[in-house]
Amino acid sequence: MRRRVALEGAVHDVEQRNPGALRNEERSLKSQLVAIQRAIEAIEGAAAPTARRGRKKAVKTVGRRKRTMTEEQRRAVAERMRKYWAARRAENAKAN
């Protein structure tokens, strides 16, 4: 059985037998709801700056952590690459 759902001016078909499709649709709707709530809070905040006191902050989503290399790790990588390219140049010189 299919159910038609209207979102943002478009109509989406959702298979009720497929729980994965329903979960995806639910996630999509929840993210849209959060976006709408944030927009409303921003509008209310612009209208009355003191109105935000006492409200809970939105839960911050966890993003991917940026990987950083230490100076020592960068030097080690640079040294390995120098050796690699020196070997490639030597191999190429032998072939010619």
N, C-alpha and C. Protein backbone atom coordinates (compact mmCIF):
# COMPACT_ATOMS: atom_id res chain seq x y z
N MET A 1 0.84 -1.17 0.00
CA MET A 1 0.00 0.00 0.00
C MET A 1 0.88 1.23 0.00
N ARG A 2 0.56 2.18 -0.82
CA ARG A 2 1.33 3.42 -0.90
C ARG A 2 0.55 4.54 -0.25
N ARG A 3 1.32 5.44 0.33
CA ARG A 3 0.75 6.62 0.95
C ARG A 3 1.44 7.81 0.31
N ARG A 4 0.69 8.80 -0.06
CA ARG A 4 1.28 9.98 -0.68
C ARG A 4 1.45 11.05 0.38
N VAL A 5 2.63 11.62 0.41
CA VAL A 5 2.96 12.64 1.40
C VAL A 5 3.38 13.90 0.67
N ALA A 6 2.79 15.04 1.02
CA ALA A 6 3.13 16.31 0.38
C ALA A 6 4.14 17.04 1.25
N LEU A 7 5.28 17.33 0.66
CA LEU A 7 6.34 18.05 1.37
C LEU A 7 6.92 19.11 0.46
N GLU A 8 7.01 20.33 0.96
CA GLU A 8 7.65 21.43 0.25
C GLU A 8 7.21 21.53 -1.21
N GLY A 9 5.92 21.42 -1.44
CA GLY A 9 5.39 21.59 -2.79
C GLY A 9 5.53 20.35 -3.66
N ALA A 10 6.17 19.29 -3.17
CA ALA A 10 6.33 18.07 -3.96
C ALA A 10 5.54 16.96 -3.28
N VAL A 11 5.17 15.97 -4.05
CA VAL A 11 4.43 14.83 -3.50
C VAL A 11 5.35 13.62 -3.55
N HIS A 12 5.50 12.96 -2.40
CA HIS A 12 6.37 11.80 -2.30
C HIS A 12 5.52 10.56 -2.06
N ASP A 13 5.86 9.45 -2.72
CA ASP A 13 5.21 8.17 -2.46
C ASP A 13 6.03 7.44 -1.42
N VAL A 14 5.36 6.90 -0.41
CA VAL A 14 6.05 6.18 0.64
C VAL A 14 5.45 4.78 0.72
N GLU A 15 6.31 3.78 0.58
CA GLU A 15 5.87 2.40 0.71
C GLU A 15 5.65 2.10 2.18
N GLN A 16 4.45 1.68 2.55
CA GLN A 16 4.20 1.37 3.96
C GLN A 16 4.78 0.01 4.32
N ARG A 17 5.00 -0.85 3.35
CA ARG A 17 5.59 -2.16 3.64
C ARG A 17 7.09 -2.07 3.86
N ASN A 18 7.71 -1.01 3.44
CA ASN A 18 9.15 -0.87 3.56
C ASN A 18 9.48 0.02 4.75
N PRO A 19 9.87 -0.59 5.88
CA PRO A 19 10.14 0.23 7.06
C PRO A 19 11.34 1.16 6.87
N GLY A 20 12.29 0.81 6.01
CA GLY A 20 13.43 1.67 5.74
C GLY A 20 13.01 2.98 5.10
N ALA A 21 12.07 2.88 4.17
CA ALA A 21 11.57 4.08 3.50
C ALA A 21 10.83 4.97 4.50
N LEU A 22 10.08 4.33 5.39
CA LEU A 22 9.36 5.11 6.38
C LEU A 22 10.32 5.79 7.35
N ARG A 23 11.38 5.07 7.74
CA ARG A 23 12.37 5.67 8.64
C ARG A 23 13.06 6.84 7.98
N ASN A 24 13.39 6.69 6.70
CA ASN A 24 14.02 7.79 5.97
C ASN A 24 13.09 8.98 5.88
N GLU A 25 11.83 8.72 5.60
CA GLU A 25 10.84 9.79 5.52
C GLU A 25 10.69 10.48 6.87
N GLU A 26 10.68 9.67 7.94
CA GLU A 26 10.56 10.24 9.29
C GLU A 26 11.76 11.13 9.60
N ARG A 27 12.98 10.66 9.27
CA ARG A 27 14.18 11.46 9.49
C ARG A 27 14.11 12.77 8.72
N SER A 28 13.64 12.67 7.48
CA SER A 28 13.53 13.86 6.65
C SER A 28 12.56 14.87 7.26
N LEU A 29 11.42 14.37 7.71
CA LEU A 29 10.43 15.25 8.32
C LEU A 29 10.94 15.87 9.61
N LYS A 30 11.65 15.08 10.41
CA LYS A 30 12.19 15.60 11.67
C LYS A 30 13.24 16.68 11.40
N SER A 31 14.08 16.48 10.39
CA SER A 31 15.09 17.50 10.09
C SER A 31 14.42 18.77 9.58
N GLN A 32 13.35 18.63 8.81
CA GLN A 32 12.61 19.80 8.35
C GLN A 32 11.96 20.52 9.52
N LEU A 33 11.44 19.74 10.48
CA LEU A 33 10.82 20.33 11.66
C LEU A 33 11.84 21.13 12.47
N VAL A 34 13.03 20.57 12.65
CA VAL A 34 14.09 21.27 13.38
C VAL A 34 14.46 22.56 12.66
N ALA A 35 14.56 22.51 11.34
CA ALA A 35 14.89 23.71 10.57
C ALA A 35 13.82 24.78 10.73
N ILE A 36 12.57 24.36 10.71
CA ILE A 36 11.46 25.30 10.88
C ILE A 36 11.48 25.90 12.28
N GLN A 37 11.73 25.06 13.29
CA GLN A 37 11.78 25.56 14.67
C GLN A 37 12.92 26.56 14.84
N ARG A 38 14.06 26.27 14.24
CA ARG A 38 15.18 27.21 14.33
C ARG A 38 14.86 28.53 13.64
N ALA A 39 14.17 28.46 12.51
CA ALA A 39 13.79 29.68 11.81
C ALA A 39 12.82 30.50 12.65
N ILE A 40 11.88 29.83 13.30
CA ILE A 40 10.93 30.53 14.15
C ILE A 40 11.66 31.18 15.32
N GLU A 41 12.61 30.45 15.94
CA GLU A 41 13.37 31.01 17.05
C GLU A 41 14.18 32.23 16.60
N ALA A 42 14.74 32.15 15.40
CA ALA A 42 15.51 33.28 14.88
C ALA A 42 14.63 34.50 14.67
N ILE A 43 13.43 34.26 14.15
CA ILE A 43 12.50 35.37 13.92
C ILE A 43 12.06 35.97 15.25
N GLU A 44 11.73 35.11 16.20
CA GLU A 44 11.32 35.59 17.52
C GLU A 44 12.47 36.32 18.21
N GLY A 45 13.67 35.80 18.04
CA GLY A 45 14.84 36.42 18.64
C GLY A 45 15.12 37.78 18.05
N ALA A 46 14.87 37.94 16.76
CA ALA A 46 15.09 39.23 16.11
C ALA A 46 14.04 40.23 16.57
N ALA A 47 12.83 39.75 16.82
CA ALA A 47 11.74 40.64 17.24
C ALA A 47 11.91 41.06 18.70
N ALA A 48 12.32 40.12 19.55
CA ALA A 48 12.47 40.41 20.98
C ALA A 48 13.72 39.70 21.49
N PRO A 49 14.84 40.42 21.58
CA PRO A 49 16.10 39.79 21.96
C PRO A 49 16.07 39.14 23.35
N THR A 50 15.24 39.63 24.27
CA THR A 50 15.20 39.04 25.61
C THR A 50 14.29 37.82 25.68
N ALA A 51 13.57 37.53 24.62
CA ALA A 51 12.62 36.42 24.63
C ALA A 51 13.32 35.07 24.65
N ARG A 52 14.61 35.03 24.35
CA ARG A 52 15.32 33.75 24.28
C ARG A 52 15.77 33.25 25.64
N ARG A 53 15.71 34.07 26.65
CA ARG A 53 16.16 33.64 27.97
C ARG A 53 15.31 32.49 28.47
N GLY A 54 15.97 31.52 29.07
CA GLY A 54 15.27 30.40 29.66
C GLY A 54 14.96 29.28 28.68
N ARG A 55 15.19 29.50 27.42
CA ARG A 55 14.94 28.44 26.44
C ARG A 55 16.12 27.51 26.38
N LYS A 56 15.84 26.27 26.14
CA LYS A 56 16.90 25.29 25.99
C LYS A 56 17.54 25.45 24.63
N LYS A 57 18.83 25.25 24.58
CA LYS A 57 19.52 25.31 23.29
C LYS A 57 19.24 24.03 22.53
N ALA A 58 19.24 24.14 21.22
CA ALA A 58 19.04 22.97 20.37
C ALA A 58 20.24 22.04 20.53
N VAL A 59 19.98 20.76 20.48
CA VAL A 59 21.05 19.78 20.61
C VAL A 59 21.94 19.86 19.38
N LYS A 60 23.22 20.02 19.62
CA LYS A 60 24.15 20.13 18.51
C LYS A 60 24.45 18.73 17.97
N THR A 61 24.38 18.58 16.66
CA THR A 61 24.67 17.29 16.07
C THR A 61 26.18 17.09 16.05
N VAL A 62 26.56 15.85 16.16
CA VAL A 62 27.98 15.52 16.19
C VAL A 62 28.46 15.34 14.76
N GLY A 63 29.41 16.15 14.37
CA GLY A 63 29.97 16.05 13.02
C GLY A 63 31.25 15.24 13.03
N ARG A 64 31.83 15.09 11.91
CA ARG A 64 33.09 14.36 11.82
C ARG A 64 34.20 15.21 12.43
N ARG A 65 35.07 14.54 13.15
CA ARG A 65 36.17 15.25 13.79
C ARG A 65 37.27 15.51 12.77
N LYS A 66 37.81 16.69 12.78
CA LYS A 66 38.88 17.03 11.86
C LYS A 66 40.17 16.39 12.36
N ARG A 67 40.79 15.66 11.50
CA ARG A 67 42.05 15.02 11.87
C ARG A 67 43.20 15.98 11.63
N THR A 68 44.06 16.08 12.60
CA THR A 68 45.21 16.94 12.46
C THR A 68 46.47 16.14 12.70
N MET A 69 47.53 16.54 12.03
CA MET A 69 48.81 15.87 12.21
C MET A 69 49.72 16.79 13.00
N THR A 70 50.53 16.17 13.82
CA THR A 70 51.52 16.95 14.54
C THR A 70 52.64 17.32 13.58
N GLU A 71 53.48 18.23 14.01
CA GLU A 71 54.61 18.65 13.18
C GLU A 71 55.52 17.46 12.89
N GLU A 72 55.71 16.61 13.87
CA GLU A 72 56.56 15.42 13.70
C GLU A 72 55.97 14.47 12.65
N GLN A 73 54.66 14.28 12.69
CA GLN A 73 54.00 13.41 11.71
C GLN A 73 54.12 13.99 10.31
N ARG A 74 53.97 15.31 10.18
CA ARG A 74 54.12 15.94 8.86
C ARG A 74 55.53 15.76 8.32
N ARG A 75 56.52 15.91 9.20
CA ARG A 75 57.92 15.71 8.76
C ARG A 75 58.14 14.28 8.31
N ALA A 76 57.57 13.31 9.03
CA ALA A 76 57.73 11.91 8.66
C ALA A 76 57.11 11.63 7.30
N VAL A 77 55.92 12.18 7.06
CA VAL A 77 55.25 11.99 5.78
C VAL A 77 56.09 12.63 4.67
N ALA A 78 56.58 13.84 4.91
CA ALA A 78 57.39 14.53 3.90
C ALA A 78 58.64 13.72 3.56
N GLU A 79 59.29 13.16 4.57
CA GLU A 79 60.50 12.35 4.33
C GLU A 79 60.17 11.10 3.52
N ARG A 80 59.07 10.44 3.87
CA ARG A 80 58.66 9.24 3.11
C ARG A 80 58.39 9.59 1.66
N MET A 81 57.72 10.72 1.43
CA MET A 81 57.40 11.11 0.07
C MET A 81 58.65 11.50 -0.71
N ARG A 82 59.61 12.14 -0.05
CA ARG A 82 60.88 12.46 -0.73
C ARG A 82 61.56 11.18 -1.19
N LYS A 83 61.61 10.17 -0.31
CA LYS A 83 62.23 8.89 -0.66
C LYS A 83 61.46 8.21 -1.80
N TYR A 84 60.13 8.26 -1.72
CA TYR A 84 59.29 7.65 -2.74
C TYR A 84 59.56 8.27 -4.10
N TRP A 85 59.56 9.61 -4.19
CA TRP A 85 59.75 10.27 -5.46
C TRP A 85 61.19 10.13 -5.96
N ALA A 86 62.14 10.07 -5.05
CA ALA A 86 63.53 9.84 -5.47
C ALA A 86 63.65 8.46 -6.11
N ALA A 87 62.99 7.47 -5.50
CA ALA A 87 63.02 6.12 -6.06
C ALA A 87 62.33 6.09 -7.43
N ARG A 88 61.21 6.81 -7.57
CA ARG A 88 60.50 6.85 -8.85
C ARG A 88 61.36 7.50 -9.93
N ARG A 89 62.04 8.61 -9.58
CA ARG A 89 62.92 9.26 -10.55
C ARG A 89 64.06 8.36 -10.95
N ALA A 90 64.64 7.64 -9.99
CA ALA A 90 65.74 6.72 -10.28
C ALA A 90 65.25 5.57 -11.18
N GLU A 91 64.08 5.05 -10.89
CA GLU A 91 63.50 3.98 -11.70
C GLU A 91 63.22 4.46 -13.12
N ASN A 92 62.71 5.66 -13.23
CA ASN A 92 62.41 6.25 -14.53
C ASN A 92 63.69 6.52 -15.32
N ALA A 93 64.75 6.93 -14.61
CA ALA A 93 66.02 7.20 -15.29
C ALA A 93 66.63 5.90 -15.84
N LYS A 94 66.48 4.80 -15.11
CA LYS A 94 66.98 3.50 -15.57
C LYS A 94 66.22 3.03 -16.81
N ALA A 95 64.92 3.29 -16.83
CA ALA A 95 64.09 2.85 -17.95
C ALA A 95 64.42 3.62 -19.22
N ASN A 96 64.87 4.85 -19.10
CA ASN A 96 65.17 5.66 -20.28
C ASN A 96 66.58 5.44 -20.62
